[in-house]
Amino acid sequence: MHGHHHRRRREAFREDANGERTTTRVQLEMPPQAMERLQRLKEKTEAASYAEVIRSALRLFEALVEEHEKGSEFALKRADGEMLTYRIFV
C-alpha cells in the first residue's frame, strides 16, 4: 500500500425531533489556492464559517443557473457606470 492514499467520504447526519436528517457533514479536499480564496471570502464577507461562505455561494450559483435556464443574460454595472456583459456559462 505504499504511495496509495485511501480516501473516505465522511458524512455525519443529524436528526431533528422527528428523526429527519437536518444536516450532512461533507469533507472536502481543496488545493491551497482554492483554500486561500475561501479564506479571503470568509474574511471579506465576515462569515462565521467556511460552511456559511459555501452555502451563500450555492444559493447564488443556483439562482444564476435558474436564470440562465430561462434564457437570461448577465451584465455588470461598474461603479463608474460602465456596463459589461458577464459570461458565466460559456
Protein backbone atom coordinates (compact mmCIF):
# COMPACT_ATOMS: atom_id res chain seq x y z
CA MET A 1 0.00 0.00 0.00
CA HIS A 2 2.97 2.30 -0.22
CA GLY A 3 2.20 5.52 -2.06
CA HIS A 4 -1.56 4.99 -2.02
CA HIS A 5 -3.93 7.09 -0.01
CA HIS A 6 -7.35 5.80 0.76
CA ARG A 7 -9.99 8.49 0.62
CA ARG A 8 -13.15 8.07 2.56
CA ARG A 9 -16.09 10.37 2.22
CA ARG A 10 -17.27 11.11 5.71
CA GLU A 11 -20.85 12.09 6.24
CA ALA A 12 -22.45 12.71 9.59
CA PHE A 13 -26.20 13.07 9.83
CA ARG A 14 -28.02 14.99 12.49
CA GLU A 15 -31.65 14.29 13.16
CA ASP A 16 -34.43 16.53 14.36
CA ALA A 17 -37.13 15.53 16.84
CA ASN A 18 -38.94 13.58 14.09
CA GLY A 19 -35.86 11.62 13.15
CA GLU A 20 -35.44 13.62 9.92
CA ARG A 21 -31.97 14.41 8.62
CA THR A 22 -31.21 18.10 9.16
CA THR A 23 -27.56 18.40 8.13
CA THR A 24 -24.91 16.39 6.35
CA ARG A 25 -21.23 16.71 7.11
CA VAL A 26 -19.10 16.82 3.96
CA GLN A 27 -15.32 16.60 3.89
CA LEU A 28 -13.71 18.50 1.02
CA GLU A 29 -10.21 18.32 -0.36
CA MET A 30 -9.12 21.64 -1.85
CA PRO A 31 -5.84 22.78 -3.36
CA PRO A 32 -4.07 25.55 -1.41
CA GLN A 33 -5.12 28.28 -3.88
CA ALA A 34 -8.82 27.39 -3.53
CA MET A 35 -8.49 27.31 0.26
CA GLU A 36 -6.91 30.77 0.18
CA ARG A 37 -9.84 32.05 -1.90
CA LEU A 38 -12.30 30.54 0.57
CA GLN A 39 -10.44 32.16 3.49
CA ARG A 40 -10.42 35.58 1.75
CA LEU A 41 -14.16 35.34 1.05
CA LYS A 42 -14.84 34.37 4.66
CA GLU A 43 -12.92 37.42 5.86
CA LYS A 44 -14.42 39.84 3.29
CA THR A 45 -17.98 38.74 4.00
CA GLU A 46 -17.45 38.39 7.76
CA ALA A 47 -18.96 34.91 7.51
CA ALA A 48 -18.97 32.87 10.69
CA SER A 49 -17.60 29.77 8.97
CA TYR A 50 -16.40 28.28 5.72
CA ALA A 51 -19.72 26.45 5.57
CA GLU A 52 -21.56 29.80 5.61
CA VAL A 53 -19.48 31.00 2.65
CA ILE A 54 -20.18 27.80 0.72
CA ARG A 55 -23.94 27.93 1.48
CA SER A 56 -24.09 31.54 0.24
CA ALA A 57 -22.14 30.62 -2.89
CA LEU A 58 -24.50 27.72 -3.58
CA ARG A 59 -27.57 29.96 -3.24
CA LEU A 60 -26.09 32.48 -5.67
CA PHE A 61 -24.95 29.84 -8.15
CA GLU A 62 -28.35 28.14 -8.04
CA ALA A 63 -30.10 31.45 -8.76
CA LEU A 64 -27.75 32.14 -11.69
CA VAL A 65 -28.27 28.66 -13.14
CA GLU A 66 -32.06 29.07 -12.89
CA GLU A 67 -31.92 32.43 -14.66
CA HIS A 68 -29.59 31.02 -17.32
CA GLU A 69 -32.09 28.19 -17.94
CA LYS A 70 -34.78 30.85 -18.53
CA GLY A 71 -32.58 32.48 -21.17
CA SER A 72 -31.39 35.38 -19.05
CA GLU A 73 -28.17 37.19 -19.86
CA PHE A 74 -25.96 38.72 -17.22
CA ALA A 75 -24.39 42.16 -17.03
CA LEU A 76 -22.38 44.11 -14.50
CA LYS A 77 -22.58 47.81 -13.88
CA ARG A 78 -19.29 49.14 -12.58
CA ALA A 79 -19.01 51.97 -10.07
CA ASP A 80 -18.18 54.38 -12.94
CA GLY A 81 -21.40 53.40 -14.73
CA GLU A 82 -19.75 51.18 -17.35
CA MET A 83 -21.91 48.18 -18.31
CA LEU A 84 -20.23 44.88 -19.10
CA THR A 85 -21.69 41.66 -20.42
CA TYR A 86 -20.77 38.95 -17.94
CA ARG A 87 -20.44 35.45 -19.35
CA ILE A 88 -20.80 32.93 -16.56
CA PHE A 89 -21.81 29.91 -18.60
CA VAL A 90 -19.62 29.71 -21.66
